[in-house]
Amino acid sequence: MSYHVVHILTHGALLARERGFLVCRPPKDAADAVEKKLPLEDIRAVVIAARGVTLTSNAISGILEQDGLILHCDESYRPVGVTTPLPRIIDTRAYLNQARQPQRLNERLWNRLLLGKTANQQAVLKQRELFSAHLDRAMKIKQVDEGNCAKKYWQLYFPSIGWGGSRRDRKLNTPPNRMLNYGYTVLAALCHRSLIVHGLSPLLGVGHVARYKADPLVYDLMEPYRPFVDCMLADFMQNEPEITEAAWCKKIGRELRERRVEKEPFSLKLLDAIDKSASTLTDCYSHLSPDPLWVPALN
């Protein structure tokens, strides 16, 4: 089965459900007025990144019934909300263990997630022919000083993609920060979906703490995946002839569908890798051990 993240970029489009398909009908006066359809069972997420898009109730329920989600964006492509399937419990023991918030297990899981993130940040820098002694030292001692590692990483990363700044701040209204925000939000939505599908509560984190309008476990799970978005942006800034946010939206959708990661003896699509990480996290809580956790390595 082929899974897709569908980006809706046509203003005024209509999304409907028809015989097991999601159908996208553009306005009649659109330049490219071609109806497109995709099997609902192949859809992991629908990203609404256009103005005036209409969704029928049948289309919404069809997406959610197949464990897909809908990410809603405003006119500047900034994600503002998400529609997800209802949560479910697939492993009672795992859910109850997660609810007890075992401190020692959560600390070990958090450290492994941060080590995976740092290793992948190193891979991003290596692709840019850069090296951080600070990140290297953190990997050698198996203990990540997240704040300082992030600071050193961004100081190298941003200049390498042709941007004069060296600071990462989700509130900064600069092109690279806005594009990273968008990529991370799509990634977070997919992590949110996977956690629900595999029976864990997004509200109970291992490293991030609960706060207003936040899902801590979503942010935890996405940590080792963030450098994949960084890598996509670096490639986009270097090779894309048209540096626009609409083009970036298309890039994210294409990369999430096509990019693969190694998992011996096979490789997985990035979308499937997120599901695999979520399912192994469920196993960690079921067995009260960090050993089953799998995080991807950026090639």
C-alpha atoms as a PDB file:
ATOM      1  CA  MET A   1       0.000   0.000   0.000  1.00  0.00           C
ATOM      2  CA  SER A   2       1.227   3.505  -0.852  1.00  0.00           C
ATOM      3  CA  TYR A   3       0.647   6.218   1.754  1.00  0.00           C
ATOM      4  CA  HIS A   4       0.382   9.901   0.970  1.00  0.00           C
ATOM      5  CA  VAL A   5       0.391  13.316   2.580  1.00  0.00           C
ATOM      6  CA  VAL A   6      -1.937  15.306   0.326  1.00  0.00           C
ATOM      7  CA  HIS A   7      -1.394  19.074   0.082  1.00  0.00           C
ATOM      8  CA  ILE A   8      -4.388  21.095  -1.131  1.00  0.00           C
ATOM      9  CA  LEU A   9      -2.955  24.245  -2.750  1.00  0.00           C
ATOM     10  CA  THR A  10      -5.859  25.176  -5.062  1.00  0.00           C
ATOM     11  CA  HIS A  11      -7.945  28.063  -3.744  1.00  0.00           C
ATOM     12  CA  GLY A  12     -11.673  27.351  -3.663  1.00  0.00           C
ATOM     13  CA  ALA A  13     -11.321  23.592  -4.142  1.00  0.00           C
ATOM     14  CA  LEU A  14     -13.991  21.141  -2.979  1.00  0.00           C
ATOM     15  CA  LEU A  15     -13.073  17.903  -1.198  1.00  0.00           C
ATOM     16  CA  ALA A  16     -15.683  15.149  -1.362  1.00  0.00           C
ATOM     17  CA  ARG A  17     -15.948  11.420  -0.739  1.00  0.00           C
ATOM     18  CA  GLU A  18     -16.949   9.184  -3.616  1.00  0.00           C
ATOM     19  CA  ARG A  19     -16.913   5.352  -3.625  1.00  0.00           C
ATOM     20  CA  GLY A  20     -13.899   5.009  -1.345  1.00  0.00           C
ATOM     21  CA  PHE A  21     -11.969   7.887  -2.924  1.00  0.00           C
ATOM     22  CA  LEU A  22     -11.163  11.385  -1.756  1.00  0.00           C
ATOM     23  CA  VAL A  23     -12.060  13.638  -4.683  1.00  0.00           C
ATOM     24  CA  CYS A  24     -10.622  17.136  -5.154  1.00  0.00           C
ATOM     25  CA  ARG A  25     -12.685  19.322  -7.473  1.00  0.00           C
ATOM     26  CA  PRO A  26     -11.126  22.691  -8.406  1.00  0.00           C
ATOM     27  CA  PRO A  27     -13.289  25.749  -9.175  1.00  0.00           C
ATOM     28  CA  LYS A  28     -14.658  25.742 -12.710  1.00  0.00           C
ATOM     29  CA  ASP A  29     -12.747  28.899 -13.555  1.00  0.00           C
ATOM     30  CA  ALA A  30      -9.394  27.483 -12.367  1.00  0.00           C
ATOM     31  CA  ALA A  31      -6.583  27.376 -14.908  1.00  0.00           C
ATOM     32  CA  ASP A  32      -6.015  23.687 -14.162  1.00  0.00           C
ATOM     33  CA  ALA A  33      -9.631  22.577 -13.682  1.00  0.00           C
ATOM     34  CA  VAL A  34      -8.868  18.856 -13.484  1.00  0.00           C
ATOM     35  CA  GLU A  35     -10.607  16.656 -10.927  1.00  0.00           C
ATOM     36  CA  LYS A  36      -8.197  14.488  -8.938  1.00  0.00           C
ATOM     37  CA  LYS A  37      -8.891  11.501  -6.708  1.00  0.00           C
ATOM     38  CA  LEU A  38      -7.005   9.179  -4.377  1.00  0.00           C
ATOM     39  CA  PRO A  39      -8.125   6.101  -2.402  1.00  0.00           C
ATOM     40  CA  LEU A  40      -8.995   7.145   1.151  1.00  0.00           C
ATOM     41  CA  GLU A  41      -7.142   4.124   2.540  1.00  0.00           C
ATOM     42  CA  ASP A  42      -3.888   5.481   1.035  1.00  0.00           C
ATOM     43  CA  ILE A  43      -4.082   8.848   2.806  1.00  0.00           C
ATOM     44  CA  ARG A  44      -2.157   9.552   6.008  1.00  0.00           C
ATOM     45  CA  ALA A  45      -2.856  13.291   6.101  1.00  0.00           C
ATOM     46  CA  VAL A  46      -4.529  16.090   4.166  1.00  0.00           C
ATOM     47  CA  VAL A  47      -2.919  19.513   4.515  1.00  0.00           C
ATOM     48  CA  ILE A  48      -5.277  22.379   3.652  1.00  0.00           C
ATOM     49  CA  ALA A  49      -2.919  25.151   2.526  1.00  0.00           C
ATOM     50  CA  ALA A  50      -5.265  27.226   0.337  1.00  0.00           C
ATOM     51  CA  ARG A  51      -8.082  29.707   0.832  1.00  0.00           C
ATOM     52  CA  GLY A  52     -11.779  28.886   0.588  1.00  0.00           C
ATOM     53  CA  VAL A  53     -11.451  25.087   0.533  1.00  0.00           C
ATOM     54  CA  THR A  54     -14.739  23.273   1.202  1.00  0.00           C
ATOM     55  CA  LEU A  55     -14.800  19.843   2.868  1.00  0.00           C
ATOM     56  CA  THR A  56     -17.940  17.734   2.901  1.00  0.00           C
ATOM     57  CA  SER A  57     -18.800  15.903   6.123  1.00  0.00           C
ATOM     58  CA  ASN A  58     -18.433  12.612   4.211  1.00  0.00           C
ATOM     59  CA  ALA A  59     -14.905  13.570   3.150  1.00  0.00           C
ATOM     60  CA  ILE A  60     -13.908  14.425   6.732  1.00  0.00           C
ATOM     61  CA  SER A  61     -15.346  11.206   8.181  1.00  0.00           C
ATOM     62  CA  GLY A  62     -13.770   9.161   5.375  1.00  0.00           C
ATOM     63  CA  ILE A  63     -10.299  10.536   6.133  1.00  0.00           C
ATOM     64  CA  LEU A  64     -10.689   9.977   9.886  1.00  0.00           C
ATOM     65  CA  GLU A  65     -12.117   6.468   9.477  1.00  0.00           C
ATOM     66  CA  GLN A  66      -8.874   5.477   7.741  1.00  0.00           C
ATOM     67  CA  ASP A  67      -6.778   6.963  10.600  1.00  0.00           C
ATOM     68  CA  GLY A  68      -5.838   9.968   8.507  1.00  0.00           C
ATOM     69  CA  LEU A  69      -5.800  13.548   9.766  1.00  0.00           C
ATOM     70  CA  ILE A  70      -6.495  17.018   8.443  1.00  0.00           C
ATOM     71  CA  LEU A  71      -4.092  19.908   9.063  1.00  0.00           C
ATOM     72  CA  HIS A  72      -5.611  23.358   8.608  1.00  0.00           C
ATOM     73  CA  CYS A  73      -3.485  26.387   7.593  1.00  0.00           C
ATOM     74  CA  ASP A  74      -4.217  30.108   7.365  1.00  0.00           C
ATOM     75  CA  GLU A  75      -3.639  32.303   4.310  1.00  0.00           C
ATOM     76  CA  SER A  76       0.106  32.565   5.009  1.00  0.00           C
ATOM     77  CA  TYR A  77       0.530  28.752   5.145  1.00  0.00           C
ATOM     78  CA  ARG A  78       0.805  28.847   8.944  1.00  0.00           C
ATOM     79  CA  PRO A  79      -0.834  25.727  10.453  1.00  0.00           C
ATOM     80  CA  VAL A  80      -3.585  26.706  12.884  1.00  0.00           C
ATOM     81  CA  GLY A  81      -5.384  23.482  13.777  1.00  0.00           C
ATOM     82  CA  VAL A  82      -5.628  19.749  13.304  1.00  0.00           C
ATOM     83  CA  THR A  83      -8.507  17.292  13.012  1.00  0.00           C
ATOM     84  CA  THR A  84      -7.522  13.823  14.243  1.00  0.00           C
ATOM     85  CA  PRO A  85      -9.238  10.448  14.702  1.00  0.00           C
ATOM     86  CA  LEU A  86     -10.578   9.534  18.125  1.00  0.00           C
ATOM     87  CA  PRO A  87      -7.901   8.075  20.438  1.00  0.00           C
ATOM     88  CA  ARG A  88      -8.016   4.380  21.158  1.00  0.00           C
ATOM     89  CA  ILE A  89      -6.306   1.878  23.447  1.00  0.00           C
ATOM     90  CA  ILE A  90      -4.659  -1.061  21.699  1.00  0.00           C
ATOM     91  CA  ASP A  91      -2.485  -2.285  24.598  1.00  0.00           C
ATOM     92  CA  THR A  92      -4.049  -1.763  28.022  1.00  0.00           C
ATOM     93  CA  ARG A  93      -0.831  -2.539  29.875  1.00  0.00           C
ATOM     94  CA  ALA A  94       1.140  -0.019  27.810  1.00  0.00           C
ATOM     95  CA  TYR A  95      -1.475   2.696  28.315  1.00  0.00           C
ATOM     96  CA  LEU A  96      -1.716   2.157  32.078  1.00  0.00           C
ATOM     97  CA  ASN A  97       2.079   2.125  32.430  1.00  0.00           C
ATOM     98  CA  GLN A  98       2.289   5.363  30.451  1.00  0.00           C
ATOM     99  CA  ALA A  99      -0.391   6.917  32.686  1.00  0.00           C
ATOM    100  CA  ARG A 100       1.696   6.091  35.769  1.00  0.00           C
ATOM    101  CA  GLN A 101       4.497   8.247  34.311  1.00  0.00           C
ATOM    102  CA  PRO A 102       7.469   6.030  35.338  1.00  0.00           C
ATOM    103  CA  GLN A 103      10.202   8.592  35.925  1.00  0.00           C
ATOM    104  CA  ARG A 104      13.246   6.388  35.373  1.00  0.00           C
ATOM    105  CA  LEU A 105      11.869   4.911  32.130  1.00  0.00           C
ATOM    106  CA  ASN A 106      10.840   8.321  30.815  1.00  0.00           C
ATOM    107  CA  GLU A 107      14.291   9.754  31.515  1.00  0.00           C
ATOM    108  CA  ARG A 108      15.948   6.940  29.584  1.00  0.00           C
ATOM    109  CA  LEU A 109      13.502   7.276  26.683  1.00  0.00           C
ATOM    110  CA  TRP A 110      14.080  11.036  26.539  1.00  0.00           C
ATOM    111  CA  ASN A 111      17.842  10.562  26.456  1.00  0.00           C
ATOM    112  CA  ARG A 112      17.577   8.080  23.595  1.00  0.00           C
ATOM    113  CA  LEU A 113      15.317  10.431  21.621  1.00  0.00           C
ATOM    114  CA  LEU A 114      17.770  13.295  22.111  1.00  0.00           C
ATOM    115  CA  LEU A 115      20.716  11.123  21.107  1.00  0.00           C
ATOM    116  CA  GLY A 116      18.839  10.192  17.926  1.00  0.00           C
ATOM    117  CA  LYS A 117      18.136  13.860  17.217  1.00  0.00           C
ATOM    118  CA  THR A 118      21.766  14.853  17.824  1.00  0.00           C
ATOM    119  CA  ALA A 119      23.097  12.057  15.603  1.00  0.00           C
ATOM    120  CA  ASN A 120      20.793  13.218  12.817  1.00  0.00           C
ATOM    121  CA  GLN A 121      21.836  16.851  13.314  1.00  0.00           C
ATOM    122  CA  GLN A 122      25.430  15.711  12.896  1.00  0.00           C
ATOM    123  CA  ALA A 123      24.399  14.011   9.644  1.00  0.00           C
ATOM    124  CA  VAL A 124      22.839  17.264   8.395  1.00  0.00           C
ATOM    125  CA  LEU A 125      26.031  19.174   9.186  1.00  0.00           C
ATOM    126  CA  LYS A 126      28.162  16.486   7.548  1.00  0.00           C
ATOM    127  CA  GLN A 127      26.133  16.851   4.344  1.00  0.00           C
ATOM    128  CA  ARG A 128      26.958  20.567   4.528  1.00  0.00           C
ATOM    129  CA  GLU A 129      30.658  19.667   5.080  1.00  0.00           C
ATOM    130  CA  LEU A 130      30.519  21.051   8.624  1.00  0.00           C
ATOM    131  CA  PHE A 131      31.407  19.648  12.031  1.00  0.00           C
ATOM    132  CA  SER A 132      30.448  20.533  15.602  1.00  0.00           C
ATOM    133  CA  ALA A 133      32.794  19.431  18.361  1.00  0.00           C
ATOM    134  CA  HIS A 134      30.052  20.179  20.890  1.00  0.00           C
ATOM    135  CA  LEU A 135      27.606  17.737  19.283  1.00  0.00           C
ATOM    136  CA  ASP A 136      30.366  15.184  18.829  1.00  0.00           C
ATOM    137  CA  ARG A 137      31.242  15.358  22.513  1.00  0.00           C
ATOM    138  CA  ALA A 138      27.589  14.931  23.507  1.00  0.00           C
ATOM    139  CA  MET A 139      27.360  11.747  21.433  1.00  0.00           C
ATOM    140  CA  LYS A 140      30.561  10.350  22.923  1.00  0.00           C
ATOM    141  CA  ILE A 141      29.405  10.778  26.517  1.00  0.00           C
ATOM    142  CA  LYS A 142      25.833   9.714  25.610  1.00  0.00           C
ATOM    143  CA  GLN A 143      24.371  12.742  27.345  1.00  0.00           C
ATOM    144  CA  VAL A 144      22.897  15.652  25.383  1.00  0.00           C
ATOM    145  CA  ASP A 145      22.938  19.206  26.688  1.00  0.00           C
ATOM    146  CA  GLU A 146      19.976  20.081  24.492  1.00  0.00           C
ATOM    147  CA  GLY A 147      20.056  23.877  24.773  1.00  0.00           C
ATOM    148  CA  ASN A 148      23.752  24.302  24.009  1.00  0.00           C
ATOM    149  CA  CYS A 149      23.742  21.605  21.308  1.00  0.00           C
ATOM    150  CA  ALA A 150      20.859  23.347  19.570  1.00  0.00           C
ATOM    151  CA  LYS A 151      22.619  26.718  19.783  1.00  0.00           C
ATOM    152  CA  LYS A 152      25.839  25.342  18.256  1.00  0.00           C
ATOM    153  CA  TYR A 153      23.893  23.480  15.576  1.00  0.00           C
ATOM    154  CA  TRP A 154      21.896  26.493  14.368  1.00  0.00           C
ATOM    155  CA  GLN A 155      24.988  28.706  14.355  1.00  0.00           C
ATOM    156  CA  LEU A 156      26.441  26.382  11.742  1.00  0.00           C
ATOM    157  CA  TYR A 157      23.264  25.398   9.925  1.00  0.00           C
ATOM    158  CA  PHE A 158      21.720  28.737   8.968  1.00  0.00           C
ATOM    159  CA  PRO A 159      24.810  30.254   7.286  1.00  0.00           C
ATOM    160  CA  SER A 160      25.298  26.992   5.387  1.00  0.00           C
ATOM    161  CA  ILE A 161      21.917  27.382   3.647  1.00  0.00           C
ATOM    162  CA  GLY A 162      22.664  30.966   2.655  1.00  0.00           C
ATOM    163  CA  TRP A 163      20.919  32.733   5.523  1.00  0.00           C
ATOM    164  CA  GLY A 164      22.719  35.456   7.445  1.00  0.00           C
ATOM    165  CA  GLY A 165      21.069  34.721  10.789  1.00  0.00           C
ATOM    166  CA  SER A 166      22.194  32.035  13.208  1.00  0.00           C
ATOM    167  CA  ARG A 167      19.227  31.823  15.560  1.00  0.00           C
ATOM    168  CA  ARG A 168      16.314  29.417  15.515  1.00  0.00           C
ATOM    169  CA  ASP A 169      13.131  30.862  17.001  1.00  0.00           C
ATOM    170  CA  ARG A 170       9.671  29.691  16.007  1.00  0.00           C
ATOM    171  CA  LYS A 171       8.371  33.246  16.554  1.00  0.00           C
ATOM    172  CA  LEU A 172      10.897  34.898  14.229  1.00  0.00           C
ATOM    173  CA  ASN A 173       9.158  35.997  11.031  1.00  0.00           C
ATOM    174  CA  THR A 174      12.038  35.165   8.687  1.00  0.00           C
ATOM    175  CA  PRO A 175      11.751  32.867   5.640  1.00  0.00           C
ATOM    176  CA  PRO A 176      13.835  29.944   7.005  1.00  0.00           C
ATOM    177  CA  ASN A 177      12.102  30.052  10.403  1.00  0.00           C
ATOM    178  CA  ARG A 178       8.649  30.210   8.802  1.00  0.00           C
ATOM    179  CA  MET A 179       9.456  27.290   6.515  1.00  0.00           C
ATOM    180  CA  LEU A 180      10.879  25.244   9.364  1.00  0.00           C
ATOM    181  CA  ASN A 181       7.755  26.012  11.406  1.00  0.00           C
ATOM    182  CA  TYR A 182       5.586  24.701   8.588  1.00  0.00           C
ATOM    183  CA  GLY A 183       7.658  21.549   8.092  1.00  0.00           C
ATOM    184  CA  TYR A 184       7.790  20.815  11.809  1.00  0.00           C
ATOM    185  CA  THR A 185       4.032  21.298  12.168  1.00  0.00           C
ATOM    186  CA  VAL A 186       3.279  18.820   9.390  1.00  0.00           C
ATOM    187  CA  LEU A 187       5.728  16.435  11.055  1.00  0.00           C
ATOM    188  CA  ALA A 188       4.054  16.978  14.446  1.00  0.00           C
ATOM    189  CA  ALA A 189       0.640  16.221  12.964  1.00  0.00           C
ATOM    190  CA  LEU A 190       1.916  12.906  11.577  1.00  0.00           C
ATOM    191  CA  CYS A 191       3.491  12.025  14.944  1.00  0.00           C
ATOM    192  CA  HIS A 192       0.198  12.923  16.646  1.00  0.00           C
ATOM    193  CA  ARG A 193      -1.650  10.581  14.322  1.00  0.00           C
ATOM    194  CA  SER A 194       0.780   7.711  14.918  1.00  0.00           C
ATOM    195  CA  LEU A 195       0.606   8.013  18.710  1.00  0.00           C
ATOM    196  CA  ILE A 196      -3.197   7.865  18.616  1.00  0.00           C
ATOM    197  CA  VAL A 197      -3.187   4.918  16.215  1.00  0.00           C
ATOM    198  CA  HIS A 198      -0.790   3.012  18.490  1.00  0.00           C
ATOM    199  CA  GLY A 199      -2.749   3.725  21.659  1.00  0.00           C
ATOM    200  CA  LEU A 200      -0.611   6.249  23.551  1.00  0.00           C
ATOM    201  CA  SER A 201      -1.793   9.547  25.003  1.00  0.00           C
ATOM    202  CA  PRO A 202      -0.126  12.572  23.334  1.00  0.00           C
ATOM    203  CA  LEU A 203      -0.701  14.495  26.586  1.00  0.00           C
ATOM    204  CA  LEU A 204       1.786  12.441  28.641  1.00  0.00           C
ATOM    205  CA  GLY A 205       5.332  13.303  27.606  1.00  0.00           C
ATOM    206  CA  VAL A 206       8.718  11.873  28.496  1.00  0.00           C
ATOM    207  CA  GLY A 207      10.765  15.060  28.150  1.00  0.00           C
ATOM    208  CA  HIS A 208       8.453  17.927  27.297  1.00  0.00           C
ATOM    209  CA  VAL A 209       6.041  19.049  29.999  1.00  0.00           C
ATOM    210  CA  ALA A 210       2.315  19.567  29.666  1.00  0.00           C
ATOM    211  CA  ARG A 211       1.251  23.121  28.917  1.00  0.00           C
ATOM    212  CA  TYR A 212      -1.648  24.992  27.343  1.00  0.00           C
ATOM    213  CA  LYS A 213      -2.456  23.892  23.781  1.00  0.00           C
ATOM    214  CA  ALA A 214       0.436  21.411  23.736  1.00  0.00           C
ATOM    215  CA  ASP A 215       0.832  17.660  23.260  1.00  0.00           C
ATOM    216  CA  PRO A 216       4.152  16.827  24.974  1.00  0.00           C
ATOM    217  CA  LEU A 217       4.581  13.282  23.649  1.00  0.00           C
ATOM    218  CA  VAL A 218       4.127  14.549  20.082  1.00  0.00           C
ATOM    219  CA  TYR A 219       7.084  16.911  20.543  1.00  0.00           C
ATOM    220  CA  ASP A 220       9.089  14.120  22.170  1.00  0.00           C
ATOM    221  CA  LEU A 221       8.521  11.656  19.334  1.00  0.00           C
ATOM    222  CA  MET A 222       9.326  14.171  16.614  1.00  0.00           C
ATOM    223  CA  GLU A 223      12.727  15.176  18.050  1.00  0.00           C
ATOM    224  CA  PRO A 224      14.838  12.682  16.034  1.00  0.00           C
ATOM    225  CA  TYR A 225      12.768  13.518  12.936  1.00  0.00           C
ATOM    226  CA  ARG A 226      13.296  17.295  13.026  1.00  0.00           C
ATOM    227  CA  PRO A 227      16.698  17.085  11.259  1.00  0.00           C
ATOM    228  CA  PHE A 228      14.945  15.441   8.294  1.00  0.00           C
ATOM    229  CA  VAL A 229      13.015  18.689   7.822  1.00  0.00           C
ATOM    230  CA  ASP A 230      16.271  20.660   8.245  1.00  0.00           C
ATOM    231  CA  CYS A 231      17.819  18.514   5.517  1.00  0.00           C
ATOM    232  CA  MET A 232      14.820  19.089   3.220  1.00  0.00           C
ATOM    233  CA  LEU A 233      15.069  22.856   3.728  1.00  0.00           C
ATOM    234  CA  ALA A 234      18.812  22.895   3.007  1.00  0.00           C
ATOM    235  CA  ASP A 235      18.204  21.030  -0.254  1.00  0.00           C
ATOM    236  CA  PHE A 236      15.284  23.335  -1.078  1.00  0.00           C
ATOM    237  CA  MET A 237      17.272  26.527  -0.501  1.00  0.00           C
ATOM    238  CA  GLN A 238      20.175  25.245  -2.588  1.00  0.00           C
ATOM    239  CA  ASN A 239      18.419  23.564  -5.509  1.00  0.00           C
ATOM    240  CA  GLU A 240      14.891  24.939  -5.883  1.00  0.00           C
ATOM    241  CA  PRO A 241      14.625  27.551  -8.647  1.00  0.00           C
ATOM    242  CA  GLU A 242      11.598  29.188  -6.995  1.00  0.00           C
ATOM    243  CA  ILE A 243      12.021  29.928  -3.264  1.00  0.00           C
ATOM    244  CA  THR A 244       8.401  30.463  -2.268  1.00  0.00           C
ATOM    245  CA  GLU A 245       6.367  29.066   0.594  1.00  0.00           C
ATOM    246  CA  ALA A 246       3.955  27.409  -1.856  1.00  0.00           C
ATOM    247  CA  ALA A 247       6.902  25.599  -3.465  1.00  0.00           C
ATOM    248  CA  TRP A 248       8.110  24.616   0.019  1.00  0.00           C
ATOM    249  CA  CYS A 249       4.684  23.115   0.818  1.00  0.00           C
ATOM    250  CA  LYS A 250       4.939  20.969  -2.308  1.00  0.00           C
ATOM    251  CA  LYS A 251       8.497  19.960  -1.380  1.00  0.00           C
ATOM    252  CA  ILE A 252       7.404  18.794   2.087  1.00  0.00           C
ATOM    253  CA  GLY A 253       4.535  16.747   0.664  1.00  0.00           C
ATOM    254  CA  ARG A 254       6.769  15.116  -1.950  1.00  0.00           C
ATOM    255  CA  GLU A 255       9.622  14.356   0.471  1.00  0.00           C
ATOM    256  CA  LEU A 256       7.345  12.856   3.126  1.00  0.00           C
ATOM    257  CA  ARG A 257       5.888  10.577   0.472  1.00  0.00           C
ATOM    258  CA  GLU A 258       9.144   9.566  -1.226  1.00  0.00           C
ATOM    259  CA  ARG A 259      12.032   9.810   1.277  1.00  0.00           C
ATOM    260  CA  ARG A 260      13.192   6.510   2.751  1.00  0.00           C
ATOM    261  CA  VAL A 261      15.207   5.631   5.848  1.00  0.00           C
ATOM    262  CA  GLU A 262      17.227   2.515   6.569  1.00  0.00           C
ATOM    263  CA  LYS A 263      15.955  -0.115   8.971  1.00  0.00           C
ATOM    264  CA  GLU A 264      17.870  -3.344   8.591  1.00  0.00           C
ATOM    265  CA  PRO A 265      17.343  -5.423   6.582  1.00  0.00           C
ATOM    266  CA  PHE A 266      14.977  -3.101   4.703  1.00  0.00           C
ATOM    267  CA  SER A 267      14.262   0.566   4.179  1.00  0.00           C
ATOM    268  CA  LEU A 268      11.068   2.355   5.183  1.00  0.00           C
ATOM    269  CA  LYS A 269       9.227   5.352   3.837  1.00  0.00           C
ATOM    270  CA  LEU A 270       9.548   8.241   6.259  1.00  0.00           C
ATOM    271  CA  LEU A 271       5.803   8.049   6.945  1.00  0.00           C
ATOM    272  CA  ASP A 272       6.144   4.376   7.910  1.00  0.00           C
ATOM    273  CA  ALA A 273       9.211   5.137  10.022  1.00  0.00           C
ATOM    274  CA  ILE A 274       7.130   7.516  12.167  1.00  0.00           C
ATOM    275  CA  ASP A 275       4.582   4.728  12.684  1.00  0.00           C
ATOM    276  CA  LYS A 276       7.386   2.314  13.572  1.00  0.00           C
ATOM    277  CA  SER A 277       8.827   4.671  16.178  1.00  0.00           C
ATOM    278  CA  ALA A 278       5.375   5.129  17.730  1.00  0.00           C
ATOM    279  CA  SER A 279       4.709   1.377  17.836  1.00  0.00           C
ATOM    280  CA  THR A 280       8.084   0.665  19.461  1.00  0.00           C
ATOM    281  CA  LEU A 281       7.366   3.396  22.028  1.00  0.00           C
ATOM    282  CA  THR A 282       4.165   1.512  22.890  1.00  0.00           C
ATOM    283  CA  ASP A 283       6.316  -1.621  23.335  1.00  0.00           C
ATOM    284  CA  CYS A 284       8.578   0.318  25.705  1.00  0.00           C
ATOM    285  CA  TYR A 285       5.660   1.079  27.984  1.00  0.00           C
ATOM    286  CA  SER A 286       4.247  -2.415  27.651  1.00  0.00           C
ATOM    287  CA  HIS A 287       7.560  -3.969  28.813  1.00  0.00           C
ATOM    288  CA  LEU A 288       8.731  -1.032  30.984  1.00  0.00           C
ATOM    289  CA  SER A 289      12.023  -0.945  29.088  1.00  0.00           C
ATOM    290  CA  PRO A 290      13.613   1.594  26.709  1.00  0.00           C
ATOM    291  CA  ASP A 291      15.183  -1.189  24.629  1.00  0.00           C
ATOM    292  CA  PRO A 292      12.410  -1.607  22.005  1.00  0.00           C
ATOM    293  CA  LEU A 293      12.527   2.084  21.001  1.00  0.00           C
ATOM    294  CA  TRP A 294      13.614   2.616  17.413  1.00  0.00           C
ATOM    295  CA  VAL A 295      14.534   5.987  15.947  1.00  0.00           C
ATOM    296  CA  PRO A 296      15.664   6.608  12.361  1.00  0.00           C
ATOM    297  CA  ALA A 297      19.142   7.526  11.200  1.00  0.00           C
ATOM    298  CA  LEU A 298      19.398  10.237   8.572  1.00  0.00           C
ATOM    299  CA  ASN A 299      21.393   8.868   5.639  1.00  0.00           C
END
